[in-house]
């Protein structure tokens, strides 16, 4: 009688384990979207989207007009990480779009989107008393994700 109870318990545990393997094999890939911002080739900000917004301040006070801002945004649920219909906009504190840069879909491992610092400096001077932010949008992220506040 005792061996029957042990065998039944073993079968139940084995069935549960098999069920778990089957259930988890169909789930989506977990993770977080992340992005990196470079000034020319120097990394100045690397974030996951769940990190606090107060850490997302882009220090461009020492940037030159000839410098380039290079932004890479990596979607966690897309195989190569690149979104489609990508754009970055500079917005004021009310959410008004001051300038929008649109980028082609990435076809290789290079996910970068380049913006001339000179354009950011001109817009900052024109809107000096406003808090400005960079916002990334794509087909996969239509509401957008604030990347950083600007401190020029």
N, C-alpha and C. Protein backbone atom coordinates (compact mmCIF):
# COMPACT_ATOMS: atom_id res chain seq x y z
N UNK A 1 0.81 -1.18 0.00
CA UNK A 1 0.00 0.00 0.00
C UNK A 1 0.87 1.27 0.00
N UNK A 2 1.97 1.21 0.72
CA UNK A 2 2.85 2.36 0.83
C UNK A 2 3.51 2.68 -0.51
N UNK A 3 3.91 1.67 -1.26
CA UNK A 3 4.56 1.91 -2.54
C UNK A 3 3.60 2.52 -3.55
N UNK A 4 2.33 2.27 -3.44
CA UNK A 4 1.35 2.87 -4.35
C UNK A 4 1.25 4.36 -4.09
N UNK A 5 1.23 4.79 -2.84
CA UNK A 5 1.15 6.21 -2.51
C UNK A 5 2.41 6.94 -2.98
N UNK A 6 3.57 6.34 -2.84
CA UNK A 6 4.81 6.97 -3.29
C UNK A 6 4.79 7.11 -4.81
N UNK A 7 4.35 6.11 -5.51
CA UNK A 7 4.28 6.17 -6.97
C UNK A 7 3.28 7.24 -7.42
N UNK A 8 2.15 7.36 -6.75
CA UNK A 8 1.17 8.39 -7.11
C UNK A 8 1.74 9.79 -6.87
N UNK A 9 2.44 9.99 -5.78
CA UNK A 9 3.06 11.28 -5.49
C UNK A 9 4.13 11.61 -6.53
N UNK A 10 4.92 10.62 -6.91
CA UNK A 10 5.95 10.82 -7.92
C UNK A 10 5.31 11.21 -9.26
N UNK A 11 4.23 10.56 -9.62
CA UNK A 11 3.54 10.85 -10.89
C UNK A 11 2.97 12.26 -10.87
N UNK A 12 2.40 12.68 -9.75
CA UNK A 12 1.86 14.04 -9.65
C UNK A 12 2.97 15.09 -9.78
N UNK A 13 4.08 14.89 -9.12
CA UNK A 13 5.20 15.84 -9.20
C UNK A 13 5.77 15.87 -10.61
N UNK A 14 5.94 14.72 -11.22
CA UNK A 14 6.46 14.63 -12.58
C UNK A 14 5.51 15.35 -13.56
N UNK A 15 4.21 15.16 -13.39
CA UNK A 15 3.22 15.83 -14.25
C UNK A 15 3.29 17.34 -14.07
N UNK A 16 3.43 17.80 -12.86
CA UNK A 16 3.55 19.23 -12.59
C UNK A 16 4.79 19.82 -13.24
N UNK A 17 5.90 19.12 -13.15
CA UNK A 17 7.14 19.61 -13.77
C UNK A 17 6.99 19.69 -15.29
N UNK A 18 6.42 18.69 -15.89
CA UNK A 18 6.20 18.69 -17.35
C UNK A 18 5.27 19.84 -17.73
N UNK A 19 4.21 20.04 -16.97
CA UNK A 19 3.27 21.12 -17.24
C UNK A 19 3.98 22.48 -17.18
N UNK A 20 4.84 22.67 -16.19
CA UNK A 20 5.59 23.93 -16.07
C UNK A 20 6.51 24.15 -17.26
N UNK A 21 7.22 23.14 -17.70
CA UNK A 21 8.08 23.26 -18.88
C UNK A 21 7.28 23.67 -20.10
N UNK A 22 6.12 23.06 -20.28
CA UNK A 22 5.27 23.38 -21.43
C UNK A 22 4.75 24.81 -21.33
N UNK A 23 4.29 25.21 -20.17
CA UNK A 23 3.72 26.55 -19.99
C UNK A 23 4.76 27.64 -20.21
N UNK A 24 5.98 27.46 -19.69
CA UNK A 24 7.00 28.49 -19.82
C UNK A 24 7.67 28.50 -21.18
N UNK A 25 7.50 27.48 -21.97
CA UNK A 25 8.11 27.47 -23.29
C UNK A 25 7.37 28.39 -24.26
N UNK A 26 6.16 28.83 -23.93
CA UNK A 26 5.39 29.69 -24.82
C UNK A 26 5.34 31.14 -24.36
N UNK A 27 6.04 31.51 -23.33
CA UNK A 27 6.01 32.89 -22.86
C UNK A 27 6.95 33.73 -23.71
N UNK A 28 6.69 35.06 -23.72
CA UNK A 28 7.56 35.97 -24.45
C UNK A 28 8.87 36.16 -23.70
N UNK A 29 9.83 36.69 -24.38
CA UNK A 29 11.13 36.94 -23.77
C UNK A 29 11.02 38.11 -22.79
N UNK A 30 11.45 37.89 -21.57
CA UNK A 30 11.37 38.93 -20.56
C UNK A 30 12.61 39.80 -20.60
N UNK A 31 12.47 41.03 -20.15
CA UNK A 31 13.59 41.94 -20.10
C UNK A 31 13.10 43.37 -20.07
N UNK A 32 14.02 44.29 -20.20
CA UNK A 32 13.69 45.70 -20.17
C UNK A 32 14.27 46.38 -21.39
N UNK A 33 13.54 47.36 -21.90
CA UNK A 33 14.10 48.21 -22.93
C UNK A 33 15.25 48.99 -22.30
N UNK A 34 16.24 49.29 -23.11
CA UNK A 34 17.38 50.06 -22.62
C UNK A 34 17.87 50.97 -23.74
N UNK A 35 18.62 51.96 -23.34
CA UNK A 35 19.19 52.87 -24.33
C UNK A 35 20.50 53.44 -23.84
N UNK A 36 21.29 53.88 -24.82
CA UNK A 36 22.58 54.50 -24.52
C UNK A 36 22.68 55.79 -25.32
N UNK A 37 23.29 56.80 -24.72
CA UNK A 37 23.50 58.07 -25.39
C UNK A 37 24.99 58.38 -25.36
N UNK A 38 25.54 58.66 -26.52
CA UNK A 38 26.96 58.95 -26.68
C UNK A 38 27.12 60.38 -27.18
N UNK A 39 28.13 61.05 -26.70
CA UNK A 39 28.55 62.32 -27.26
C UNK A 39 29.80 62.00 -28.06
N UNK A 40 29.67 62.06 -29.37
CA UNK A 40 30.65 61.52 -30.30
C UNK A 40 30.81 60.03 -29.99
N UNK A 41 31.93 59.58 -29.49
CA UNK A 41 32.08 58.15 -29.16
C UNK A 41 32.17 57.91 -27.67
N UNK A 42 31.91 58.93 -26.86
CA UNK A 42 32.01 58.80 -25.41
C UNK A 42 30.62 58.56 -24.82
N UNK A 43 30.48 57.46 -24.09
CA UNK A 43 29.21 57.13 -23.44
C UNK A 43 28.95 58.13 -22.31
N UNK A 44 27.79 58.81 -22.39
CA UNK A 44 27.46 59.78 -21.33
C UNK A 44 26.21 59.38 -20.54
N UNK A 45 25.42 58.44 -21.07
CA UNK A 45 24.24 58.00 -20.35
C UNK A 45 23.83 56.62 -20.84
N UNK A 46 23.63 55.70 -19.91
CA UNK A 46 23.15 54.36 -20.24
C UNK A 46 22.09 54.02 -19.22
N UNK A 47 20.88 53.72 -19.68
CA UNK A 47 19.76 53.52 -18.78
C UNK A 47 18.89 52.35 -19.22
N UNK A 48 18.22 51.77 -18.26
CA UNK A 48 17.08 50.90 -18.51
C UNK A 48 15.85 51.74 -18.23
N UNK A 49 14.75 51.45 -18.90
CA UNK A 49 13.60 52.34 -18.78
C UNK A 49 12.98 52.36 -17.40
N UNK A 50 13.30 51.42 -16.53
CA UNK A 50 12.70 51.41 -15.19
C UNK A 50 13.49 52.23 -14.18
N UNK A 51 14.61 52.81 -14.56
CA UNK A 51 15.40 53.60 -13.62
C UNK A 51 14.75 54.97 -13.40
N UNK A 52 14.96 55.59 -12.26
CA UNK A 52 14.30 56.84 -11.93
C UNK A 52 14.62 57.95 -12.93
N UNK A 53 13.61 58.77 -13.19
CA UNK A 53 13.74 59.85 -14.15
C UNK A 53 14.75 60.90 -13.71
N UNK A 54 14.91 61.13 -12.44
CA UNK A 54 15.83 62.17 -11.98
C UNK A 54 17.29 61.85 -12.32
N UNK A 55 17.61 60.62 -12.68
CA UNK A 55 18.97 60.28 -13.08
C UNK A 55 19.21 60.52 -14.56
N UNK A 56 18.16 60.81 -15.31
CA UNK A 56 18.25 60.95 -16.75
C UNK A 56 18.49 62.39 -17.18
N UNK A 57 19.58 62.98 -16.76
CA UNK A 57 19.92 64.34 -17.16
C UNK A 57 21.14 64.27 -18.06
N UNK A 58 21.00 64.85 -19.23
CA UNK A 58 22.05 64.80 -20.23
C UNK A 58 22.95 66.02 -20.08
N UNK A 59 24.20 65.83 -19.67
CA UNK A 59 25.10 66.98 -19.48
C UNK A 59 25.78 67.38 -20.80
N UNK A 60 25.22 68.38 -21.46
CA UNK A 60 25.79 68.84 -22.74
C UNK A 60 26.44 70.21 -22.63
N UNK A 61 26.70 70.66 -21.41
CA UNK A 61 27.26 72.00 -21.24
C UNK A 61 28.67 72.12 -21.83
N UNK A 62 29.40 71.05 -21.91
CA UNK A 62 30.75 71.10 -22.47
C UNK A 62 30.80 70.68 -23.94
N UNK A 63 29.64 70.39 -24.52
CA UNK A 63 29.61 69.93 -25.91
C UNK A 63 29.91 71.09 -26.87
N UNK A 64 30.55 70.74 -27.96
CA UNK A 64 30.86 71.72 -29.01
C UNK A 64 29.79 71.62 -30.09
N UNK A 65 29.66 72.68 -30.88
CA UNK A 65 28.66 72.69 -31.94
C UNK A 65 28.92 71.64 -33.00
N UNK A 66 30.15 71.20 -33.14
CA UNK A 66 30.48 70.20 -34.15
C UNK A 66 30.26 68.76 -33.66
N UNK A 67 29.93 68.60 -32.39
CA UNK A 67 29.74 67.27 -31.83
C UNK A 67 28.44 66.63 -32.32
N UNK A 68 28.40 65.31 -32.21
CA UNK A 68 27.23 64.54 -32.59
C UNK A 68 26.72 63.77 -31.37
N UNK A 69 25.42 63.76 -31.20
CA UNK A 69 24.78 62.95 -30.18
C UNK A 69 24.31 61.67 -30.88
N UNK A 70 24.72 60.52 -30.34
CA UNK A 70 24.35 59.24 -30.93
C UNK A 70 23.54 58.46 -29.90
N UNK A 71 22.32 58.11 -30.28
CA UNK A 71 21.41 57.43 -29.36
C UNK A 71 21.07 56.06 -29.92
N UNK A 72 21.17 55.04 -29.08
CA UNK A 72 20.74 53.69 -29.47
C UNK A 72 19.66 53.26 -28.48
N UNK A 73 18.53 52.80 -29.03
CA UNK A 73 17.42 52.32 -28.20
C UNK A 73 17.22 50.85 -28.53
N UNK A 74 17.23 50.01 -27.51
CA UNK A 74 17.13 48.57 -27.69
C UNK A 74 15.83 48.06 -27.08
N UNK A 75 14.91 47.59 -27.96
CA UNK A 75 13.65 47.00 -27.50
C UNK A 75 13.92 45.57 -27.06
N UNK A 76 13.43 45.19 -25.91
CA UNK A 76 13.72 43.86 -25.37
C UNK A 76 12.93 42.75 -26.06
N UNK A 77 11.82 43.07 -26.68
CA UNK A 77 10.98 42.03 -27.26
C UNK A 77 11.19 41.84 -28.75
N UNK A 78 12.12 42.58 -29.34
CA UNK A 78 12.39 42.46 -30.77
C UNK A 78 13.73 41.76 -30.96
N UNK A 79 13.80 40.87 -31.92
CA UNK A 79 14.98 40.02 -32.09
C UNK A 79 16.27 40.83 -32.23
N UNK A 80 16.32 41.81 -33.14
CA UNK A 80 17.55 42.58 -33.31
C UNK A 80 17.57 43.83 -32.44
N UNK A 81 16.48 44.10 -31.71
CA UNK A 81 16.45 45.21 -30.77
C UNK A 81 15.98 46.52 -31.36
N UNK A 82 15.96 46.65 -32.69
CA UNK A 82 15.62 47.92 -33.31
C UNK A 82 14.13 48.05 -33.53
N UNK A 83 13.62 49.21 -33.20
CA UNK A 83 12.23 49.50 -33.47
C UNK A 83 12.06 49.93 -34.93
N UNK A 84 10.82 50.09 -35.35
CA UNK A 84 10.53 50.57 -36.71
C UNK A 84 9.83 51.91 -36.61
N UNK A 85 9.94 52.70 -37.66
CA UNK A 85 9.38 54.07 -37.70
C UNK A 85 9.88 54.86 -36.49
N UNK A 86 11.19 54.84 -36.29
CA UNK A 86 11.80 55.47 -35.12
C UNK A 86 11.89 56.98 -35.27
N UNK A 87 11.72 57.67 -34.15
CA UNK A 87 11.93 59.11 -34.15
C UNK A 87 12.32 59.56 -32.75
N UNK A 88 12.99 60.69 -32.71
CA UNK A 88 13.34 61.34 -31.44
C UNK A 88 12.86 62.77 -31.56
N UNK A 89 12.18 63.23 -30.53
CA UNK A 89 11.69 64.60 -30.55
C UNK A 89 12.21 65.35 -29.33
N UNK A 90 12.36 66.64 -29.52
CA UNK A 90 12.71 67.53 -28.42
C UNK A 90 11.41 68.20 -28.00
N UNK A 91 11.04 68.02 -26.73
CA UNK A 91 9.77 68.53 -26.25
C UNK A 91 9.98 69.48 -25.09
N UNK A 92 9.05 70.43 -24.98
CA UNK A 92 9.09 71.33 -23.83
C UNK A 92 8.36 70.68 -22.66
N UNK A 93 8.28 71.40 -21.55
CA UNK A 93 7.69 70.83 -20.33
C UNK A 93 6.19 70.54 -20.45
N UNK A 94 5.53 71.14 -21.45
CA UNK A 94 4.10 70.88 -21.66
C UNK A 94 3.87 69.75 -22.65
N UNK A 95 4.94 69.19 -23.20
CA UNK A 95 4.80 68.11 -24.16
C UNK A 95 4.71 68.55 -25.61
N UNK A 96 4.88 69.86 -25.85
CA UNK A 96 4.87 70.37 -27.22
C UNK A 96 6.16 69.96 -27.92
N UNK A 97 6.03 69.48 -29.14
CA UNK A 97 7.21 69.05 -29.91
C UNK A 97 7.85 70.27 -30.56
N UNK A 98 9.10 70.53 -30.20
CA UNK A 98 9.85 71.66 -30.76
C UNK A 98 10.58 71.25 -32.03
N UNK A 99 11.04 70.02 -32.06
CA UNK A 99 11.77 69.49 -33.23
C UNK A 99 11.65 67.97 -33.18
N UNK A 100 11.50 67.38 -34.37
CA UNK A 100 11.39 65.92 -34.46
C UNK A 100 12.36 65.42 -35.52
N UNK A 101 13.16 64.44 -35.12
CA UNK A 101 14.09 63.78 -36.03
C UNK A 101 13.56 62.38 -36.32
N UNK A 102 13.41 62.04 -37.59
CA UNK A 102 12.93 60.71 -37.95
C UNK A 102 14.09 59.91 -38.53
N UNK A 103 14.11 58.62 -38.24
CA UNK A 103 15.22 57.76 -38.62
C UNK A 103 14.71 56.53 -39.37
N UNK A 104 15.53 56.07 -40.30
CA UNK A 104 15.19 54.87 -41.05
C UNK A 104 15.25 53.66 -40.13
N UNK A 105 14.53 52.62 -40.51
CA UNK A 105 14.58 51.37 -39.76
C UNK A 105 15.99 50.79 -39.85
N UNK A 106 16.50 50.32 -38.73
CA UNK A 106 17.85 49.74 -38.71
C UNK A 106 17.84 48.41 -39.45
N UNK A 107 18.81 48.22 -40.33
CA UNK A 107 18.88 46.97 -41.09
C UNK A 107 20.05 46.10 -40.66
N UNK A 108 20.88 46.60 -39.77
CA UNK A 108 22.03 45.83 -39.30
C UNK A 108 22.07 45.90 -37.78
N UNK A 109 23.20 45.59 -37.23
CA UNK A 109 23.34 45.64 -35.77
C UNK A 109 23.52 47.06 -35.26
N UNK A 110 23.71 48.03 -36.15
CA UNK A 110 23.87 49.43 -35.75
C UNK A 110 22.49 50.05 -35.54
N UNK A 111 22.11 50.27 -34.30
CA UNK A 111 20.81 50.82 -33.96
C UNK A 111 20.85 52.33 -33.75
N UNK A 112 21.98 52.97 -34.04
CA UNK A 112 22.18 54.35 -33.64
C UNK A 112 21.36 55.34 -34.45
N UNK A 113 21.00 56.43 -33.75
CA UNK A 113 20.30 57.57 -34.33
C UNK A 113 21.14 58.79 -33.97
N UNK A 114 21.55 59.56 -34.97
CA UNK A 114 22.47 60.68 -34.75
C UNK A 114 21.75 62.02 -34.84
N UNK A 115 22.09 62.91 -33.92
CA UNK A 115 21.56 64.27 -33.89
C UNK A 115 22.74 65.21 -33.70
N UNK A 116 22.78 66.27 -34.50
CA UNK A 116 23.84 67.27 -34.36
C UNK A 116 23.60 68.09 -33.09
N UNK A 117 24.63 68.24 -32.28
CA UNK A 117 24.53 69.02 -31.05
C UNK A 117 24.21 70.48 -31.39
N UNK A 118 24.68 70.94 -32.52
CA UNK A 118 24.41 72.30 -32.96
C UNK A 118 22.90 72.59 -33.00
N UNK A 119 22.11 71.64 -33.47
CA UNK A 119 20.66 71.82 -33.52
C UNK A 119 20.08 71.91 -32.11
N UNK A 120 20.58 71.09 -31.20
CA UNK A 120 20.10 71.13 -29.81
C UNK A 120 20.45 72.46 -29.14
N UNK A 121 21.65 72.96 -29.40
CA UNK A 121 22.07 74.23 -28.82
C UNK A 121 21.20 75.38 -29.31
N UNK A 122 20.86 75.39 -30.60
CA UNK A 122 20.01 76.45 -31.15
C UNK A 122 18.61 76.40 -30.53
N UNK A 123 18.08 75.21 -30.40
CA UNK A 123 16.75 75.07 -29.81
C UNK A 123 16.75 75.43 -28.33
N UNK A 124 17.83 75.11 -27.63
CA UNK A 124 17.93 75.45 -26.21
C UNK A 124 17.99 76.95 -26.03
N UNK A 125 18.70 77.65 -26.89
CA UNK A 125 18.77 79.11 -26.79
C UNK A 125 17.41 79.74 -27.08
N UNK A 126 16.68 79.18 -28.04
CA UNK A 126 15.37 79.72 -28.39
C UNK A 126 14.33 79.47 -27.29
N UNK A 127 14.53 78.44 -26.48
CA UNK A 127 13.59 78.08 -25.42
C UNK A 127 14.32 77.98 -24.09
N UNK A 128 15.10 79.02 -23.77
CA UNK A 128 16.01 78.99 -22.62
C UNK A 128 15.31 78.83 -21.28
N UNK A 129 14.09 79.31 -21.13
CA UNK A 129 13.44 79.27 -19.82
C UNK A 129 12.56 78.04 -19.64
N UNK A 130 12.65 77.10 -20.55
CA UNK A 130 11.81 75.92 -20.46
C UNK A 130 12.66 74.68 -20.20
N UNK A 131 12.05 73.71 -19.52
CA UNK A 131 12.71 72.42 -19.34
C UNK A 131 12.47 71.61 -20.61
N UNK A 132 13.55 71.15 -21.23
CA UNK A 132 13.46 70.41 -22.48
C UNK A 132 13.81 68.95 -22.25
N UNK A 133 13.20 68.08 -23.03
CA UNK A 133 13.48 66.66 -22.90
C UNK A 133 13.50 65.99 -24.27
N UNK A 134 14.31 64.93 -24.35
CA UNK A 134 14.38 64.09 -25.55
C UNK A 134 13.44 62.91 -25.34
N UNK A 135 12.58 62.64 -26.34
CA UNK A 135 11.60 61.56 -26.25
C UNK A 135 11.73 60.67 -27.48
N UNK A 136 11.85 59.38 -27.24
CA UNK A 136 11.95 58.37 -28.31
C UNK A 136 10.58 57.78 -28.57
N UNK A 137 10.19 57.65 -29.84
CA UNK A 137 8.96 56.95 -30.21
C UNK A 137 9.26 56.02 -31.37
N UNK A 138 8.46 54.99 -31.47
CA UNK A 138 8.56 54.05 -32.58
C UNK A 138 7.20 53.37 -32.75
N UNK A 139 7.07 52.56 -33.77
CA UNK A 139 5.82 51.82 -33.97
C UNK A 139 5.56 50.92 -32.76
N UNK A 140 6.61 50.36 -32.18
CA UNK A 140 6.49 49.46 -31.03
C UNK A 140 6.26 50.23 -29.72
N UNK A 141 6.54 51.51 -29.71
CA UNK A 141 6.42 52.35 -28.51
C UNK A 141 5.74 53.67 -28.90
N UNK A 142 4.47 53.64 -29.32
CA UNK A 142 3.83 54.83 -29.86
C UNK A 142 3.64 55.97 -28.86
N UNK A 143 3.51 55.65 -27.58
CA UNK A 143 3.35 56.71 -26.58
C UNK A 143 4.66 57.41 -26.27
N UNK A 144 5.76 56.77 -26.59
CA UNK A 144 7.07 57.37 -26.39
C UNK A 144 7.67 57.07 -25.03
N UNK A 145 8.96 57.28 -24.98
CA UNK A 145 9.73 57.09 -23.74
C UNK A 145 10.67 58.28 -23.59
N UNK A 146 10.55 59.00 -22.45
CA UNK A 146 11.46 60.11 -22.23
C UNK A 146 12.85 59.56 -21.96
N UNK A 147 13.80 59.98 -22.77
CA UNK A 147 15.17 59.50 -22.61
C UNK A 147 15.93 60.33 -21.62
N UNK A 148 15.76 61.65 -21.71
CA UNK A 148 16.57 62.50 -20.86
C UNK A 148 16.04 63.92 -20.84
N UNK A 149 16.32 64.59 -19.75
CA UNK A 149 16.15 66.05 -19.69
C UNK A 149 17.46 66.62 -20.21
N UNK A 150 17.39 67.80 -20.79
CA UNK A 150 18.60 68.44 -21.29
C UNK A 150 19.11 69.47 -20.31
N UNK A 151 20.40 69.46 -20.15
CA UNK A 151 21.08 70.50 -19.36
C UNK A 151 22.21 70.99 -20.23
N UNK A 152 21.96 72.10 -20.88
CA UNK A 152 22.96 72.65 -21.82
C UNK A 152 23.73 73.79 -21.22
